[in-house]
Amino acid sequence: MNINKLFLIVFFIFDIIYGYNVGNIIIEKLGLKPRPLAERRTALLF
């Protein structure tokens, strides 16, 4: 759970610095399914 939250924070930071698309590109390169921006940011709150 902590690792998952850490990834969310990292992608959140990438979204702020580089924009929404870069976060999804990184997720795709890791072989994970991209999540909508709103869903990722909402998940940070919980």
PDB file of N, CA and C in Angstrom:
ATOM      1  N   MET A   1       0.833  -1.201   0.000  1.00  0.00           N
ATOM      2  CA  MET A   1       0.000   0.000   0.000  1.00  0.00           C
ATOM      3  C   MET A   1       0.870   1.253   0.000  1.00  0.00           C
ATOM      4  N   ASN A   2       1.925   1.250   0.818  1.00  0.00           N
ATOM      5  CA  ASN A   2       2.823   2.402   0.847  1.00  0.00           C
ATOM      6  C   ASN A   2       3.547   2.580  -0.481  1.00  0.00           C
ATOM      7  N   ILE A   3       3.935   1.449  -1.094  1.00  0.00           N
ATOM      8  CA  ILE A   3       4.614   1.513  -2.389  1.00  0.00           C
ATOM      9  C   ILE A   3       3.668   2.083  -3.439  1.00  0.00           C
ATOM     10  N   ASN A   4       2.428   1.632  -3.425  1.00  0.00           N
ATOM     11  CA  ASN A   4       1.434   2.118  -4.381  1.00  0.00           C
ATOM     12  C   ASN A   4       1.232   3.622  -4.226  1.00  0.00           C
ATOM     13  N   LYS A   5       1.151   4.089  -2.998  1.00  0.00           N
ATOM     14  CA  LYS A   5       0.958   5.515  -2.746  1.00  0.00           C
ATOM     15  C   LYS A   5       2.177   6.303  -3.206  1.00  0.00           C
ATOM     16  N   LEU A   6       3.375   5.725  -3.016  1.00  0.00           N
ATOM     17  CA  LEU A   6       4.600   6.383  -3.461  1.00  0.00           C
ATOM     18  C   LEU A   6       4.584   6.573  -4.975  1.00  0.00           C
ATOM     19  N   PHE A   7       4.166   5.519  -5.705  1.00  0.00           N
ATOM     20  CA  PHE A   7       4.060   5.633  -7.159  1.00  0.00           C
ATOM     21  C   PHE A   7       3.069   6.719  -7.550  1.00  0.00           C
ATOM     22  N   LEU A   8       1.948   6.788  -6.866  1.00  0.00           N
ATOM     23  CA  LEU A   8       0.948   7.807  -7.174  1.00  0.00           C
ATOM     24  C   LEU A   8       1.524   9.202  -6.983  1.00  0.00           C
ATOM     25  N   ILE A   9       2.288   9.379  -5.910  1.00  0.00           N
ATOM     26  CA  ILE A   9       2.890  10.687  -5.647  1.00  0.00           C
ATOM     27  C   ILE A   9       3.902  11.029  -6.733  1.00  0.00           C
ATOM     28  N   VAL A  10       4.708  10.040  -7.139  1.00  0.00           N
ATOM     29  CA  VAL A  10       5.698  10.269  -8.198  1.00  0.00           C
ATOM     30  C   VAL A  10       5.007  10.678  -9.493  1.00  0.00           C
ATOM     31  N   PHE A  11       3.955   9.945  -9.875  1.00  0.00           N
ATOM     32  CA  PHE A  11       3.241  10.274 -11.107  1.00  0.00           C
ATOM     33  C   PHE A  11       2.542  11.624 -10.985  1.00  0.00           C
ATOM     34  N   PHE A  12       2.056  11.938  -9.802  1.00  0.00           N
ATOM     35  CA  PHE A  12       1.423  13.233  -9.561  1.00  0.00           C
ATOM     36  C   PHE A  12       2.426  14.356  -9.805  1.00  0.00           C
ATOM     37  N   ILE A  13       3.657  14.174  -9.310  1.00  0.00           N
ATOM     38  CA  ILE A  13       4.705  15.176  -9.508  1.00  0.00           C
ATOM     39  C   ILE A  13       5.051  15.296 -10.994  1.00  0.00           C
ATOM     40  N   PHE A  14       5.161  14.140 -11.681  1.00  0.00           N
ATOM     41  CA  PHE A  14       5.425  14.181 -13.118  1.00  0.00           C
ATOM     42  C   PHE A  14       4.322  14.925 -13.855  1.00  0.00           C
ATOM     43  N   ASP A  15       3.061  14.721 -13.434  1.00  0.00           N
ATOM     44  CA  ASP A  15       1.941  15.418 -14.063  1.00  0.00           C
ATOM     45  C   ASP A  15       2.084  16.920 -13.901  1.00  0.00           C
ATOM     46  N   ILE A  16       2.503  17.350 -12.715  1.00  0.00           N
ATOM     47  CA  ILE A  16       2.643  18.786 -12.467  1.00  0.00           C
ATOM     48  C   ILE A  16       3.776  19.369 -13.311  1.00  0.00           C
ATOM     49  N   ILE A  17       4.925  18.664 -13.343  1.00  0.00           N
ATOM     50  CA  ILE A  17       6.110  19.220 -13.989  1.00  0.00           C
ATOM     51  C   ILE A  17       6.022  19.105 -15.510  1.00  0.00           C
ATOM     52  N   TYR A  18       5.657  17.920 -15.990  1.00  0.00           N
ATOM     53  CA  TYR A  18       5.742  17.654 -17.422  1.00  0.00           C
ATOM     54  C   TYR A  18       4.397  17.587 -18.121  1.00  0.00           C
ATOM     55  N   GLY A  19       3.324  17.525 -17.358  1.00  0.00           N
ATOM     56  CA  GLY A  19       2.015  17.415 -17.980  1.00  0.00           C
ATOM     57  C   GLY A  19       1.470  15.997 -17.905  1.00  0.00           C
ATOM     58  N   TYR A  20       0.185  15.905 -18.162  1.00  0.00           N
ATOM     59  CA  TYR A  20      -0.579  14.667 -17.979  1.00  0.00           C
ATOM     60  C   TYR A  20      -0.056  13.511 -18.818  1.00  0.00           C
ATOM     61  N   ASN A  21       0.325  13.780 -20.076  1.00  0.00           N
ATOM     62  CA  ASN A  21       0.686  12.690 -20.987  1.00  0.00           C
ATOM     63  C   ASN A  21       1.954  11.967 -20.563  1.00  0.00           C
ATOM     64  N   VAL A  22       2.906  12.681 -20.007  1.00  0.00           N
ATOM     65  CA  VAL A  22       4.168  12.049 -19.618  1.00  0.00           C
ATOM     66  C   VAL A  22       3.936  10.999 -18.543  1.00  0.00           C
ATOM     67  N   GLY A  23       3.063  11.293 -17.590  1.00  0.00           N
ATOM     68  CA  GLY A  23       2.746  10.321 -16.553  1.00  0.00           C
ATOM     69  C   GLY A  23       2.211   9.029 -17.142  1.00  0.00           C
ATOM     70  N   ASN A  24       1.328   9.143 -18.149  1.00  0.00           N
ATOM     71  CA  ASN A  24       0.771   7.944 -18.772  1.00  0.00           C
ATOM     72  C   ASN A  24       1.818   7.192 -19.580  1.00  0.00           C
ATOM     73  N   ILE A  25       2.740   7.907 -20.234  1.00  0.00           N
ATOM     74  CA  ILE A  25       3.800   7.248 -20.999  1.00  0.00           C
ATOM     75  C   ILE A  25       4.669   6.415 -20.060  1.00  0.00           C
ATOM     76  N   ILE A  26       5.009   6.975 -18.910  1.00  0.00           N
ATOM     77  CA  ILE A  26       5.826   6.241 -17.936  1.00  0.00           C
ATOM     78  C   ILE A  26       5.083   5.003 -17.459  1.00  0.00           C
ATOM     79  N   ILE A  27       3.795   5.152 -17.164  1.00  0.00           N
ATOM     80  CA  ILE A  27       2.989   4.016 -16.705  1.00  0.00           C
ATOM     81  C   ILE A  27       2.956   2.931 -17.777  1.00  0.00           C
ATOM     82  N   GLU A  28       2.786   3.332 -19.039  1.00  0.00           N
ATOM     83  CA  GLU A  28       2.739   2.355 -20.129  1.00  0.00           C
ATOM     84  C   GLU A  28       4.077   1.642 -20.280  1.00  0.00           C
ATOM     85  N   LYS A  29       5.187   2.367 -20.126  1.00  0.00           N
ATOM     86  CA  LYS A  29       6.508   1.737 -20.253  1.00  0.00           C
ATOM     87  C   LYS A  29       6.763   0.744 -19.129  1.00  0.00           C
ATOM     88  N   LEU A  30       6.142   0.977 -17.978  1.00  0.00           N
ATOM     89  CA  LEU A  30       6.259   0.039 -16.865  1.00  0.00           C
ATOM     90  C   LEU A  30       5.334  -1.163 -17.051  1.00  0.00           C
ATOM     91  N   GLY A  31       4.517  -1.124 -18.114  1.00  0.00           N
ATOM     92  CA  GLY A  31       3.632  -2.246 -18.398  1.00  0.00           C
ATOM     93  C   GLY A  31       2.336  -2.192 -17.609  1.00  0.00           C
ATOM     94  N   LEU A  32       2.030  -1.032 -17.052  1.00  0.00           N
ATOM     95  CA  LEU A  32       0.800  -0.881 -16.287  1.00  0.00           C
ATOM     96  C   LEU A  32      -0.249  -0.168 -17.123  1.00  0.00           C
ATOM     97  N   LYS A  33      -1.489  -0.327 -16.720  1.00  0.00           N
ATOM     98  CA  LYS A  33      -2.579   0.320 -17.446  1.00  0.00           C
ATOM     99  C   LYS A  33      -2.685   1.782 -17.000  1.00  0.00           C
ATOM    100  N   PRO A  34      -2.656   2.722 -17.944  1.00  0.00           N
ATOM    101  CA  PRO A  34      -2.781   4.134 -17.577  1.00  0.00           C
ATOM    102  C   PRO A  34      -4.119   4.401 -16.895  1.00  0.00           C
ATOM    103  N   ARG A  35      -4.083   5.270 -15.906  1.00  0.00           N
ATOM    104  CA  ARG A  35      -5.308   5.656 -15.209  1.00  0.00           C
ATOM    105  C   ARG A  35      -5.615   7.106 -15.534  1.00  0.00           C
ATOM    106  N   PRO A  36      -6.904   7.452 -15.557  1.00  0.00           N
ATOM    107  CA  PRO A  36      -7.268   8.853 -15.809  1.00  0.00           C
ATOM    108  C   PRO A  36      -6.661   9.771 -14.754  1.00  0.00           C
ATOM    109  N   LEU A  37      -6.331  10.974 -15.171  1.00  0.00           N
ATOM    110  CA  LEU A  37      -5.682  11.938 -14.285  1.00  0.00           C
ATOM    111  C   LEU A  37      -6.508  12.176 -13.028  1.00  0.00           C
ATOM    112  N   ALA A  38      -7.801  12.380 -13.186  1.00  0.00           N
ATOM    113  CA  ALA A  38      -8.664  12.664 -12.039  1.00  0.00           C
ATOM    114  C   ALA A  38      -8.669  11.495 -11.063  1.00  0.00           C
ATOM    115  N   GLU A  39      -8.657  10.276 -11.590  1.00  0.00           N
ATOM    116  CA  GLU A  39      -8.674   9.089 -10.733  1.00  0.00           C
ATOM    117  C   GLU A  39      -7.382   8.992  -9.934  1.00  0.00           C
ATOM    118  N   ARG A  40      -6.245   9.265 -10.570  1.00  0.00           N
ATOM    119  CA  ARG A  40      -4.957   9.203  -9.878  1.00  0.00           C
ATOM    120  C   ARG A  40      -4.901  10.246  -8.768  1.00  0.00           C
ATOM    121  N   ARG A  41      -5.349  11.461  -9.071  1.00  0.00           N
ATOM    122  CA  ARG A  41      -5.278  12.531  -8.069  1.00  0.00           C
ATOM    123  C   ARG A  41      -6.271  12.297  -6.945  1.00  0.00           C
ATOM    124  N   THR A  42      -7.432  11.720  -7.266  1.00  0.00           N
ATOM    125  CA  THR A  42      -8.402  11.398  -6.218  1.00  0.00           C
ATOM    126  C   THR A  42      -7.832  10.328  -5.305  1.00  0.00           C
ATOM    127  N   ALA A  43      -7.119   9.356  -5.883  1.00  0.00           N
ATOM    128  CA  ALA A  43      -6.539   8.269  -5.094  1.00  0.00           C
ATOM    129  C   ALA A  43      -5.507   8.802  -4.096  1.00  0.00           C
ATOM    130  N   LEU A  44      -4.861   9.914  -4.424  1.00  0.00           N
ATOM    131  CA  LEU A  44      -3.881  10.496  -3.511  1.00  0.00           C
ATOM    132  C   LEU A  44      -4.515  10.952  -2.205  1.00  0.00           C
ATOM    133  N   LEU A  45      -5.802  11.282  -2.265  1.00  0.00           N
ATOM    134  CA  LEU A  45      -6.470  11.828  -1.090  1.00  0.00           C
ATOM    135  C   LEU A  45      -6.836  10.754  -0.085  1.00  0.00           C
ATOM    136  N   PHE A  46      -6.820   9.482  -0.495  1.00  0.00           N
ATOM    137  CA  PHE A  46      -7.289   8.394   0.377  1.00  0.00           C
ATOM    138  C   PHE A  46      -6.148   7.493   0.812  1.00  0.00           C
TER     139      PHE A  46
END
